[in-house]
N, C-alpha and C. Protein backbone atom coordinates (compact mmCIF):
# COMPACT_ATOMS: atom_id res chain seq x y z
N THR A 1 -75.13 -12.80 85.65
CA THR A 1 -75.28 -11.83 84.58
C THR A 1 -75.32 -10.42 85.15
N PRO A 2 -75.07 -9.41 84.34
CA PRO A 2 -75.15 -8.03 84.83
C PRO A 2 -76.53 -7.67 85.37
N VAL A 3 -77.58 -8.21 84.75
CA VAL A 3 -78.94 -7.92 85.22
C VAL A 3 -79.11 -8.39 86.67
N ILE A 4 -78.69 -9.60 86.96
CA ILE A 4 -78.83 -10.14 88.32
C ILE A 4 -77.95 -9.37 89.30
N VAL A 5 -76.72 -9.10 88.92
CA VAL A 5 -75.80 -8.36 89.79
C VAL A 5 -76.37 -6.98 90.11
N ASN A 6 -76.89 -6.29 89.10
CA ASN A 6 -77.45 -4.95 89.32
C ASN A 6 -78.72 -4.99 90.15
N LEU A 7 -79.57 -5.99 89.92
CA LEU A 7 -80.79 -6.13 90.72
C LEU A 7 -80.45 -6.36 92.19
N VAL A 8 -79.54 -7.27 92.46
CA VAL A 8 -79.14 -7.56 93.83
C VAL A 8 -78.55 -6.31 94.48
N SER A 9 -77.71 -5.60 93.76
CA SER A 9 -77.09 -4.37 94.27
C SER A 9 -78.15 -3.32 94.60
N ALA A 10 -79.13 -3.15 93.71
CA ALA A 10 -80.19 -2.17 93.93
C ALA A 10 -81.02 -2.51 95.16
N VAL A 11 -81.36 -3.78 95.31
CA VAL A 11 -82.16 -4.20 96.47
C VAL A 11 -81.37 -4.00 97.76
N LYS A 12 -80.10 -4.35 97.75
CA LYS A 12 -79.27 -4.16 98.95
C LYS A 12 -79.13 -2.68 99.29
N THR A 13 -79.07 -1.81 98.28
CA THR A 13 -79.02 -0.37 98.51
C THR A 13 -80.30 0.11 99.18
N LEU A 14 -81.44 -0.36 98.69
CA LEU A 14 -82.72 -0.01 99.31
C LEU A 14 -82.81 -0.52 100.75
N LYS A 15 -82.37 -1.74 100.95
CA LYS A 15 -82.38 -2.33 102.30
C LYS A 15 -81.52 -1.48 103.24
N ALA A 16 -80.35 -1.06 102.78
CA ALA A 16 -79.47 -0.23 103.61
C ALA A 16 -80.11 1.11 103.93
N LYS A 17 -80.85 1.65 102.98
CA LYS A 17 -81.50 2.95 103.19
C LYS A 17 -82.65 2.85 104.20
N TYR A 18 -83.48 1.81 104.08
CA TYR A 18 -84.67 1.71 104.92
C TYR A 18 -84.50 0.83 106.15
N GLY A 19 -83.44 0.07 106.22
CA GLY A 19 -83.13 -0.71 107.41
C GLY A 19 -84.12 -1.81 107.69
N LYS A 20 -84.38 -2.03 108.98
CA LYS A 20 -85.20 -3.17 109.40
C LYS A 20 -86.66 -3.05 108.97
N ASP A 21 -87.10 -1.87 108.59
CA ASP A 21 -88.47 -1.68 108.14
C ASP A 21 -88.68 -2.09 106.69
N PHE A 22 -87.60 -2.42 106.00
CA PHE A 22 -87.69 -2.80 104.59
C PHE A 22 -88.17 -4.24 104.49
N VAL A 23 -89.26 -4.45 103.79
CA VAL A 23 -89.84 -5.79 103.62
C VAL A 23 -89.56 -6.24 102.19
N LEU A 24 -88.91 -7.37 102.05
CA LEU A 24 -88.57 -7.91 100.73
C LEU A 24 -89.30 -9.22 100.52
N THR A 25 -90.20 -9.24 99.55
CA THR A 25 -90.92 -10.46 99.21
C THR A 25 -90.74 -10.75 97.73
N MET A 26 -90.90 -12.00 97.37
CA MET A 26 -90.82 -12.42 95.97
C MET A 26 -91.91 -13.45 95.72
N ALA A 27 -92.50 -13.39 94.52
CA ALA A 27 -93.54 -14.34 94.14
C ALA A 27 -93.29 -14.87 92.73
N PRO A 28 -92.16 -15.53 92.51
CA PRO A 28 -91.87 -16.08 91.18
C PRO A 28 -92.69 -17.34 90.90
N GLU A 29 -92.73 -17.73 89.65
CA GLU A 29 -93.37 -18.99 89.26
C GLU A 29 -92.41 -20.15 89.51
N THR A 30 -92.94 -21.36 89.59
CA THR A 30 -92.11 -22.55 89.80
C THR A 30 -91.05 -22.70 88.71
N PHE A 31 -91.35 -22.25 87.50
CA PHE A 31 -90.40 -22.33 86.39
C PHE A 31 -89.09 -21.64 86.73
N PHE A 32 -89.16 -20.56 87.47
CA PHE A 32 -87.99 -19.75 87.79
C PHE A 32 -87.27 -20.19 89.07
N VAL A 33 -87.86 -21.13 89.80
CA VAL A 33 -87.26 -21.57 91.06
C VAL A 33 -87.08 -23.09 91.05
N GLN A 34 -88.13 -23.84 91.36
CA GLN A 34 -87.99 -25.28 91.53
C GLN A 34 -87.56 -26.02 90.25
N LEU A 35 -87.91 -25.49 89.09
CA LEU A 35 -87.46 -26.14 87.85
C LEU A 35 -85.93 -26.19 87.80
N GLY A 36 -85.28 -25.29 88.54
CA GLY A 36 -83.82 -25.26 88.59
C GLY A 36 -83.20 -26.52 89.17
N TYR A 37 -83.99 -27.35 89.82
CA TYR A 37 -83.49 -28.64 90.30
C TYR A 37 -83.11 -29.54 89.12
N GLN A 38 -83.89 -29.45 88.06
CA GLN A 38 -83.67 -30.29 86.89
C GLN A 38 -82.97 -29.54 85.76
N TYR A 39 -83.37 -28.29 85.54
CA TYR A 39 -82.82 -27.49 84.43
C TYR A 39 -82.42 -26.13 84.96
N TYR A 40 -81.29 -25.63 84.49
CA TYR A 40 -80.86 -24.29 84.89
C TYR A 40 -80.28 -23.57 83.68
N GLY A 41 -80.81 -22.39 83.41
CA GLY A 41 -80.31 -21.60 82.30
C GLY A 41 -80.35 -22.37 80.99
N THR A 42 -79.39 -22.12 80.14
CA THR A 42 -79.37 -22.77 78.83
C THR A 42 -78.87 -24.20 78.89
N GLY A 43 -78.40 -24.63 80.06
CA GLY A 43 -77.91 -26.00 80.22
C GLY A 43 -76.47 -26.15 79.77
N LYS A 44 -75.94 -27.33 79.98
CA LYS A 44 -74.53 -27.60 79.65
C LYS A 44 -74.23 -27.44 78.17
N TRP A 45 -75.19 -27.79 77.32
CA TRP A 45 -74.94 -27.75 75.88
C TRP A 45 -75.78 -26.70 75.18
N GLY A 46 -76.43 -25.84 75.94
CA GLY A 46 -77.28 -24.82 75.32
C GLY A 46 -78.59 -25.42 74.84
N GLY A 47 -79.48 -24.58 74.41
CA GLY A 47 -80.74 -25.06 73.87
C GLY A 47 -81.90 -25.06 74.85
N GLN A 48 -81.64 -25.02 76.16
CA GLN A 48 -82.72 -24.94 77.14
C GLN A 48 -83.18 -23.49 77.24
N ASP A 49 -84.37 -23.31 77.77
CA ASP A 49 -84.87 -21.96 78.01
C ASP A 49 -83.97 -21.29 79.04
N PRO A 50 -83.33 -20.17 78.71
CA PRO A 50 -82.38 -19.54 79.63
C PRO A 50 -83.02 -19.02 80.91
N ARG A 51 -84.35 -18.97 80.96
CA ARG A 51 -85.02 -18.48 82.17
C ARG A 51 -85.21 -19.56 83.23
N ALA A 52 -84.95 -20.81 82.89
CA ALA A 52 -85.15 -21.92 83.83
C ALA A 52 -84.31 -21.71 85.08
N GLY A 53 -84.98 -21.61 86.22
CA GLY A 53 -84.27 -21.42 87.50
C GLY A 53 -83.68 -20.04 87.68
N ALA A 54 -84.11 -19.07 86.88
CA ALA A 54 -83.48 -17.74 86.87
C ALA A 54 -83.54 -16.99 88.19
N TYR A 55 -84.51 -17.29 89.04
CA TYR A 55 -84.60 -16.59 90.33
C TYR A 55 -83.62 -17.13 91.36
N LEU A 56 -83.09 -18.31 91.16
CA LEU A 56 -82.23 -18.93 92.18
C LEU A 56 -81.06 -18.05 92.60
N PRO A 57 -80.29 -17.45 91.69
CA PRO A 57 -79.18 -16.61 92.15
C PRO A 57 -79.65 -15.35 92.87
N VAL A 58 -80.80 -14.83 92.49
CA VAL A 58 -81.34 -13.64 93.16
C VAL A 58 -81.78 -14.00 94.58
N ILE A 59 -82.54 -15.07 94.71
CA ILE A 59 -82.99 -15.52 96.04
C ILE A 59 -81.79 -15.82 96.92
N HIS A 60 -80.82 -16.52 96.37
CA HIS A 60 -79.64 -16.89 97.16
C HIS A 60 -78.86 -15.65 97.61
N ALA A 61 -78.65 -14.71 96.71
CA ALA A 61 -77.87 -13.51 97.06
C ALA A 61 -78.59 -12.63 98.08
N LEU A 62 -79.91 -12.71 98.11
CA LEU A 62 -80.69 -11.85 99.01
C LEU A 62 -81.29 -12.62 100.18
N ARG A 63 -80.90 -13.87 100.38
CA ARG A 63 -81.53 -14.72 101.39
C ARG A 63 -81.46 -14.12 102.79
N ASP A 64 -80.41 -13.40 103.12
CA ASP A 64 -80.29 -12.81 104.46
C ASP A 64 -81.20 -11.60 104.63
N ASP A 65 -81.66 -11.03 103.52
CA ASP A 65 -82.55 -9.87 103.55
C ASP A 65 -83.99 -10.24 103.22
N LEU A 66 -84.21 -11.45 102.74
CA LEU A 66 -85.52 -11.89 102.27
C LEU A 66 -86.49 -12.05 103.43
N THR A 67 -87.61 -11.35 103.35
CA THR A 67 -88.66 -11.49 104.35
C THR A 67 -89.53 -12.70 104.04
N LEU A 68 -89.94 -12.82 102.78
CA LEU A 68 -90.90 -13.86 102.43
C LEU A 68 -90.80 -14.23 100.95
N LEU A 69 -90.68 -15.53 100.71
CA LEU A 69 -90.75 -16.07 99.35
C LEU A 69 -92.02 -16.90 99.26
N HIS A 70 -92.88 -16.53 98.34
CA HIS A 70 -94.09 -17.31 98.13
C HIS A 70 -94.19 -17.63 96.64
N VAL A 71 -93.55 -18.73 96.28
CA VAL A 71 -93.56 -19.18 94.88
C VAL A 71 -95.00 -19.49 94.48
N GLN A 72 -95.33 -19.13 93.26
CA GLN A 72 -96.67 -19.39 92.73
C GLN A 72 -96.81 -20.88 92.40
N ASP A 73 -97.48 -21.61 93.27
CA ASP A 73 -97.75 -23.03 93.01
C ASP A 73 -98.99 -23.15 92.13
N TYR A 74 -99.05 -22.34 91.09
CA TYR A 74 -100.16 -22.36 90.15
C TYR A 74 -99.64 -21.87 88.80
N ASN A 75 -100.47 -22.03 87.77
CA ASN A 75 -100.03 -21.70 86.41
C ASN A 75 -98.69 -22.36 86.11
N SER A 76 -98.55 -23.59 86.52
CA SER A 76 -97.28 -24.31 86.43
C SER A 76 -97.43 -25.59 85.63
N GLY A 77 -96.39 -25.97 84.96
CA GLY A 77 -96.33 -27.31 84.39
C GLY A 77 -95.90 -28.28 85.47
N SER A 78 -95.74 -29.51 85.10
CA SER A 78 -95.25 -30.52 86.06
C SER A 78 -93.80 -30.21 86.40
N ILE A 79 -93.45 -30.38 87.67
CA ILE A 79 -92.10 -30.08 88.17
C ILE A 79 -91.58 -31.31 88.90
N MET A 80 -90.32 -31.64 88.66
CA MET A 80 -89.70 -32.76 89.36
C MET A 80 -89.38 -32.37 90.79
N GLY A 81 -89.82 -33.19 91.74
CA GLY A 81 -89.52 -32.97 93.15
C GLY A 81 -88.23 -33.65 93.56
N LEU A 82 -87.90 -33.53 94.82
CA LEU A 82 -86.67 -34.14 95.33
C LEU A 82 -86.73 -35.67 95.35
N ASP A 83 -87.91 -36.23 95.11
CA ASP A 83 -88.06 -37.68 94.99
C ASP A 83 -87.82 -38.14 93.54
N ASN A 84 -87.42 -37.18 92.68
CA ASN A 84 -87.18 -37.43 91.26
C ASN A 84 -88.41 -37.93 90.51
N GLN A 85 -89.57 -37.55 91.01
CA GLN A 85 -90.84 -37.82 90.35
C GLN A 85 -91.45 -36.48 89.95
N TYR A 86 -92.22 -36.49 88.87
CA TYR A 86 -92.91 -35.27 88.45
C TYR A 86 -94.17 -35.08 89.28
N HIS A 87 -94.41 -33.84 89.66
CA HIS A 87 -95.60 -33.49 90.43
C HIS A 87 -96.37 -32.43 89.66
N SER A 88 -97.69 -32.60 89.64
CA SER A 88 -98.55 -31.69 88.89
C SER A 88 -99.51 -30.99 89.84
N MET A 89 -99.94 -29.82 89.42
CA MET A 89 -100.91 -29.06 90.20
C MET A 89 -102.19 -29.86 90.40
N GLY A 90 -102.94 -29.49 91.42
CA GLY A 90 -104.25 -30.08 91.60
C GLY A 90 -104.45 -30.85 92.88
N GLY A 91 -103.44 -30.96 93.71
CA GLY A 91 -103.59 -31.67 94.97
C GLY A 91 -102.52 -31.27 95.97
N ALA A 92 -102.62 -31.84 97.14
CA ALA A 92 -101.70 -31.50 98.24
C ALA A 92 -100.26 -31.84 97.90
N ASP A 93 -100.03 -32.96 97.19
CA ASP A 93 -98.66 -33.39 96.91
C ASP A 93 -97.84 -32.33 96.17
N PHE A 94 -98.47 -31.58 95.27
CA PHE A 94 -97.73 -30.55 94.54
C PHE A 94 -97.21 -29.48 95.50
N HIS A 95 -98.09 -29.00 96.37
CA HIS A 95 -97.67 -27.98 97.35
C HIS A 95 -96.61 -28.53 98.30
N ILE A 96 -96.78 -29.77 98.71
CA ILE A 96 -95.82 -30.40 99.62
C ILE A 96 -94.46 -30.51 98.94
N ALA A 97 -94.43 -31.04 97.74
CA ALA A 97 -93.16 -31.25 97.03
C ALA A 97 -92.46 -29.93 96.73
N MET A 98 -93.21 -28.93 96.26
CA MET A 98 -92.59 -27.64 95.91
C MET A 98 -92.05 -26.92 97.14
N THR A 99 -92.78 -27.00 98.24
CA THR A 99 -92.35 -26.33 99.47
C THR A 99 -91.18 -27.07 100.11
N ASP A 100 -91.22 -28.39 100.07
CA ASP A 100 -90.11 -29.20 100.59
C ASP A 100 -88.79 -28.82 99.90
N MET A 101 -88.85 -28.55 98.61
CA MET A 101 -87.63 -28.17 97.88
C MET A 101 -87.02 -26.89 98.44
N LEU A 102 -87.86 -25.92 98.77
CA LEU A 102 -87.37 -24.65 99.30
C LEU A 102 -86.80 -24.80 100.70
N LEU A 103 -87.39 -25.71 101.48
CA LEU A 103 -86.99 -25.87 102.88
C LEU A 103 -85.89 -26.91 103.08
N THR A 104 -85.62 -27.70 102.05
CA THR A 104 -84.57 -28.72 102.10
C THR A 104 -83.34 -28.28 101.33
N GLY A 105 -83.56 -27.51 100.28
CA GLY A 105 -82.48 -27.15 99.37
C GLY A 105 -82.30 -28.24 98.33
N PHE A 106 -81.55 -27.93 97.27
CA PHE A 106 -81.38 -28.91 96.20
C PHE A 106 -80.18 -28.57 95.33
N PRO A 107 -79.61 -29.60 94.69
CA PRO A 107 -78.53 -29.35 93.74
C PRO A 107 -79.11 -28.72 92.47
N VAL A 108 -78.54 -27.62 92.04
CA VAL A 108 -79.03 -26.93 90.86
C VAL A 108 -78.67 -27.74 89.61
N ALA A 109 -79.69 -28.04 88.81
CA ALA A 109 -79.54 -28.86 87.61
C ALA A 109 -78.85 -30.19 87.93
N GLY A 110 -79.08 -30.69 89.15
CA GLY A 110 -78.52 -31.97 89.56
C GLY A 110 -77.04 -31.94 89.90
N ASP A 111 -76.44 -30.77 89.92
CA ASP A 111 -75.00 -30.62 90.18
C ASP A 111 -74.76 -30.50 91.68
N THR A 112 -74.24 -31.55 92.30
CA THR A 112 -74.03 -31.54 93.75
C THR A 112 -72.95 -30.55 94.19
N ALA A 113 -72.20 -30.01 93.25
CA ALA A 113 -71.21 -28.98 93.57
C ALA A 113 -71.82 -27.58 93.56
N ASN A 114 -73.09 -27.49 93.16
CA ASN A 114 -73.79 -26.21 93.07
C ASN A 114 -75.17 -26.36 93.71
N VAL A 115 -75.22 -26.20 95.03
CA VAL A 115 -76.44 -26.47 95.78
C VAL A 115 -77.13 -25.16 96.17
N PHE A 116 -78.45 -25.12 95.95
CA PHE A 116 -79.27 -24.02 96.46
C PHE A 116 -79.63 -24.40 97.89
N PRO A 117 -79.08 -23.70 98.91
CA PRO A 117 -79.33 -24.08 100.30
C PRO A 117 -80.78 -23.81 100.72
N PRO A 118 -81.23 -24.50 101.76
CA PRO A 118 -82.61 -24.30 102.22
C PRO A 118 -82.82 -22.90 102.77
N LEU A 119 -84.05 -22.44 102.63
CA LEU A 119 -84.47 -21.19 103.27
C LEU A 119 -85.01 -21.52 104.65
N ARG A 120 -85.10 -20.51 105.50
CA ARG A 120 -85.70 -20.70 106.82
C ARG A 120 -87.22 -20.82 106.66
N PRO A 121 -87.88 -21.65 107.46
CA PRO A 121 -89.33 -21.83 107.32
C PRO A 121 -90.11 -20.52 107.42
N GLU A 122 -89.67 -19.61 108.27
CA GLU A 122 -90.41 -18.35 108.42
C GLU A 122 -90.25 -17.43 107.21
N GLN A 123 -89.41 -17.83 106.25
CA GLN A 123 -89.25 -17.07 105.01
C GLN A 123 -90.12 -17.62 103.88
N VAL A 124 -90.82 -18.72 104.11
CA VAL A 124 -91.51 -19.42 103.02
C VAL A 124 -93.01 -19.49 103.27
N ALA A 125 -93.77 -19.11 102.25
CA ALA A 125 -95.22 -19.29 102.24
C ALA A 125 -95.58 -19.98 100.93
N ILE A 126 -96.71 -20.62 100.90
CA ILE A 126 -97.18 -21.31 99.69
C ILE A 126 -98.09 -20.35 98.93
N GLY A 127 -97.79 -20.13 97.65
CA GLY A 127 -98.62 -19.27 96.82
C GLY A 127 -99.65 -20.08 96.05
N MET A 128 -100.91 -19.63 96.08
CA MET A 128 -101.98 -20.37 95.41
C MET A 128 -103.12 -19.44 95.03
N PRO A 129 -103.90 -19.82 94.01
CA PRO A 129 -105.05 -19.00 93.63
C PRO A 129 -106.19 -19.16 94.64
N ALA A 130 -106.92 -18.08 94.84
CA ALA A 130 -108.02 -18.09 95.81
C ALA A 130 -109.22 -18.89 95.32
N THR A 131 -109.45 -18.88 94.01
CA THR A 131 -110.60 -19.58 93.44
C THR A 131 -110.19 -20.21 92.11
N THR A 132 -111.08 -21.00 91.55
CA THR A 132 -110.79 -21.59 90.24
C THR A 132 -110.68 -20.52 89.16
N ASN A 133 -111.34 -19.39 89.34
CA ASN A 133 -111.27 -18.31 88.36
C ASN A 133 -109.97 -17.52 88.44
N ALA A 134 -109.25 -17.64 89.54
CA ALA A 134 -108.05 -16.83 89.76
C ALA A 134 -106.82 -17.39 89.06
N GLY A 135 -106.82 -18.65 88.71
CA GLY A 135 -105.65 -19.22 88.03
C GLY A 135 -105.69 -20.73 88.04
N ASN A 136 -104.92 -21.33 87.14
CA ASN A 136 -104.78 -22.78 87.12
C ASN A 136 -104.16 -23.26 88.41
N GLY A 137 -104.53 -24.44 88.84
CA GLY A 137 -103.91 -25.03 90.01
C GLY A 137 -104.65 -24.82 91.31
N HIS A 138 -105.86 -24.26 91.24
CA HIS A 138 -106.64 -24.11 92.47
C HIS A 138 -106.94 -25.49 93.04
N VAL A 139 -106.80 -25.62 94.35
CA VAL A 139 -107.15 -26.87 95.02
C VAL A 139 -108.11 -26.55 96.16
N SER A 140 -108.84 -27.54 96.58
CA SER A 140 -109.82 -27.35 97.65
C SER A 140 -109.11 -27.03 98.96
N SER A 141 -109.84 -26.43 99.86
CA SER A 141 -109.30 -26.14 101.19
C SER A 141 -108.86 -27.42 101.89
N THR A 142 -109.58 -28.51 101.65
CA THR A 142 -109.21 -29.79 102.25
C THR A 142 -107.81 -30.21 101.82
N GLU A 143 -107.50 -30.07 100.52
CA GLU A 143 -106.17 -30.43 100.01
C GLU A 143 -105.09 -29.50 100.56
N VAL A 144 -105.42 -28.22 100.67
CA VAL A 144 -104.43 -27.27 101.22
C VAL A 144 -104.18 -27.59 102.69
N ASN A 145 -105.22 -27.91 103.42
CA ASN A 145 -105.04 -28.29 104.83
C ASN A 145 -104.15 -29.53 104.95
N LYS A 146 -104.32 -30.49 104.04
CA LYS A 146 -103.44 -31.67 104.05
C LYS A 146 -101.99 -31.26 103.83
N ALA A 147 -101.76 -30.36 102.88
CA ALA A 147 -100.39 -29.90 102.61
C ALA A 147 -99.81 -29.20 103.83
N LEU A 148 -100.59 -28.33 104.44
CA LEU A 148 -100.11 -27.62 105.64
C LEU A 148 -99.84 -28.59 106.78
N ASN A 149 -100.73 -29.55 106.98
CA ASN A 149 -100.52 -30.54 108.05
C ASN A 149 -99.26 -31.36 107.80
N CYS A 150 -99.03 -31.74 106.56
CA CYS A 150 -97.85 -32.54 106.23
C CYS A 150 -96.58 -31.73 106.49
N LEU A 151 -96.56 -30.49 106.03
CA LEU A 151 -95.35 -29.67 106.14
C LEU A 151 -95.07 -29.23 107.58
N THR A 152 -96.12 -28.97 108.35
CA THR A 152 -95.91 -28.42 109.70
C THR A 152 -96.00 -29.46 110.81
N LYS A 153 -96.68 -30.60 110.54
CA LYS A 153 -96.90 -31.61 111.59
C LYS A 153 -96.50 -33.02 111.16
N LYS A 154 -96.20 -33.20 109.89
CA LYS A 154 -95.87 -34.52 109.30
C LYS A 154 -97.06 -35.48 109.44
N THR A 155 -98.27 -34.94 109.29
CA THR A 155 -99.49 -35.76 109.25
C THR A 155 -100.20 -35.46 107.93
N ASP A 156 -101.10 -36.32 107.52
CA ASP A 156 -101.86 -36.14 106.27
C ASP A 156 -100.99 -36.11 105.03
N CYS A 157 -99.78 -36.65 105.12
CA CYS A 157 -98.90 -36.67 103.94
C CYS A 157 -99.43 -37.69 102.95
N GLY A 158 -99.34 -37.37 101.70
CA GLY A 158 -99.76 -38.30 100.65
C GLY A 158 -98.58 -39.15 100.22
N SER A 159 -98.38 -39.24 98.92
CA SER A 159 -97.31 -40.10 98.40
C SER A 159 -95.93 -39.46 98.53
N TYR A 160 -95.87 -38.14 98.65
CA TYR A 160 -94.57 -37.47 98.75
C TYR A 160 -94.15 -37.39 100.21
N GLN A 161 -92.96 -37.82 100.50
CA GLN A 161 -92.43 -37.77 101.86
C GLN A 161 -91.45 -36.60 101.99
N THR A 162 -91.74 -35.71 102.91
CA THR A 162 -90.89 -34.53 103.10
C THR A 162 -89.57 -34.90 103.75
N HIS A 163 -88.63 -33.99 103.68
CA HIS A 163 -87.31 -34.17 104.27
C HIS A 163 -87.22 -33.53 105.65
N GLY A 164 -88.34 -33.12 106.20
CA GLY A 164 -88.37 -32.51 107.52
C GLY A 164 -89.78 -32.10 107.88
N THR A 165 -89.90 -31.46 109.02
CA THR A 165 -91.16 -30.90 109.49
C THR A 165 -90.87 -29.46 109.87
N TRP A 166 -91.74 -28.54 109.47
CA TRP A 166 -91.48 -27.12 109.66
C TRP A 166 -92.68 -26.42 110.29
N PRO A 167 -92.83 -26.50 111.62
CA PRO A 167 -93.96 -25.85 112.27
C PRO A 167 -93.94 -24.33 112.13
N ASP A 168 -92.78 -23.76 111.78
CA ASP A 168 -92.68 -22.31 111.62
C ASP A 168 -92.89 -21.84 110.19
N LEU A 169 -93.44 -22.71 109.32
CA LEU A 169 -93.77 -22.30 107.96
C LEU A 169 -94.58 -21.01 108.03
N ARG A 170 -94.24 -20.04 107.20
CA ARG A 170 -94.82 -18.70 107.33
C ARG A 170 -96.31 -18.65 107.04
N GLY A 171 -96.78 -19.43 106.07
CA GLY A 171 -98.21 -19.39 105.79
C GLY A 171 -98.52 -19.53 104.32
N LEU A 172 -99.53 -18.77 103.88
CA LEU A 172 -100.02 -18.84 102.51
C LEU A 172 -100.08 -17.45 101.89
N MET A 173 -99.95 -17.43 100.58
CA MET A 173 -100.19 -16.22 99.80
C MET A 173 -101.25 -16.59 98.77
N THR A 174 -102.17 -15.68 98.53
CA THR A 174 -103.18 -15.97 97.53
C THR A 174 -103.23 -14.93 96.44
N TRP A 175 -103.56 -15.39 95.26
CA TRP A 175 -103.90 -14.51 94.15
C TRP A 175 -105.39 -14.69 93.95
N SER A 176 -106.14 -13.80 94.35
CA SER A 176 -105.89 -12.57 95.07
C SER A 176 -107.03 -12.36 96.04
N ILE A 177 -106.91 -11.37 96.88
CA ILE A 177 -107.99 -11.11 97.83
C ILE A 177 -109.26 -10.69 97.10
N ASN A 178 -109.12 -10.08 95.94
CA ASN A 178 -110.30 -9.71 95.15
C ASN A 178 -111.03 -10.96 94.66
N TRP A 179 -110.26 -11.96 94.20
CA TRP A 179 -110.88 -13.21 93.77
C TRP A 179 -111.50 -13.93 94.96
N ASP A 180 -110.88 -13.83 96.13
CA ASP A 180 -111.44 -14.46 97.32
C ASP A 180 -112.79 -13.83 97.66
N ARG A 181 -112.86 -12.52 97.55
CA ARG A 181 -114.14 -11.84 97.79
C ARG A 181 -115.19 -12.35 96.81
N PHE A 182 -114.82 -12.44 95.55
CA PHE A 182 -115.71 -12.95 94.51
C PHE A 182 -116.16 -14.38 94.84
N GLY A 183 -115.30 -15.16 95.48
CA GLY A 183 -115.61 -16.55 95.83
C GLY A 183 -116.23 -16.72 97.20
N GLY A 184 -116.70 -15.63 97.81
CA GLY A 184 -117.37 -15.72 99.11
C GLY A 184 -116.42 -15.87 100.29
N TYR A 185 -115.20 -15.44 100.14
CA TYR A 185 -114.18 -15.44 101.22
C TYR A 185 -113.85 -16.84 101.74
N GLN A 186 -113.96 -17.84 100.88
CA GLN A 186 -113.64 -19.21 101.31
C GLN A 186 -112.19 -19.32 101.75
N PHE A 187 -111.26 -18.73 101.01
CA PHE A 187 -109.84 -18.80 101.35
C PHE A 187 -109.60 -18.16 102.72
N GLN A 188 -110.08 -16.94 102.88
CA GLN A 188 -109.88 -16.22 104.14
C GLN A 188 -110.49 -16.97 105.32
N ASN A 189 -111.72 -17.39 105.17
CA ASN A 189 -112.40 -18.04 106.29
C ASN A 189 -111.74 -19.35 106.69
N ASN A 190 -111.34 -20.16 105.72
CA ASN A 190 -110.72 -21.44 106.04
C ASN A 190 -109.35 -21.25 106.67
N PHE A 191 -108.52 -20.43 106.06
CA PHE A 191 -107.13 -20.39 106.50
C PHE A 191 -106.90 -19.45 107.67
N ASP A 192 -107.78 -18.49 107.86
CA ASP A 192 -107.71 -17.70 109.09
C ASP A 192 -107.96 -18.63 110.27
N THR A 193 -108.95 -19.50 110.12
CA THR A 193 -109.25 -20.49 111.16
C THR A 193 -108.08 -21.45 111.33
N TYR A 194 -107.49 -21.90 110.23
CA TYR A 194 -106.38 -22.86 110.31
C TYR A 194 -105.22 -22.28 111.11
N PHE A 195 -104.84 -21.06 110.81
CA PHE A 195 -103.66 -20.48 111.45
C PHE A 195 -103.94 -19.94 112.86
N ARG A 196 -105.19 -19.90 113.26
CA ARG A 196 -105.52 -19.47 114.63
C ARG A 196 -105.67 -20.64 115.58
N ARG A 197 -105.45 -21.87 115.10
CA ARG A 197 -105.58 -23.06 115.94
C ARG A 197 -104.58 -23.02 117.07
């Protein structure tokens, strides 16, 4: 669409102006990214929400310039993973399945002729709320550690089996540091320790 073409052009213009110091991050919801595995745009016959998977062409067009994508693994409905099962917020499996999709790639709306290629692990972080007050989908530090272990070491995996192991996964993004402060810095304290191992 013209909106996507103009957005990509504007970002590339900014990147050209600022060069290597330009940091490009995105934090879309799962509806705009991973839902594109099952539904994309209005669909073959129309009638679907046209926003389904809407970030995919933007992410793809800017993948060489993208510093970090941290999809919001919260405030989400159930999303079909690459195992063709629905995954819901509330545990490690959701983070594992959603991140695996970004690092493995997937056919858009099931069309094997239109594949969203995998991103590099250093371009991907998991987005999550810092506390239960910060948003739906908060999970305990124990569950997040399981997700990180599964994705980076292939240990502590639950029912979802990843398509690889990514020790260079970029990390985590939280909404928000203010909520973490309100929650006694549990997010910061746990994950600062995790990533300093």
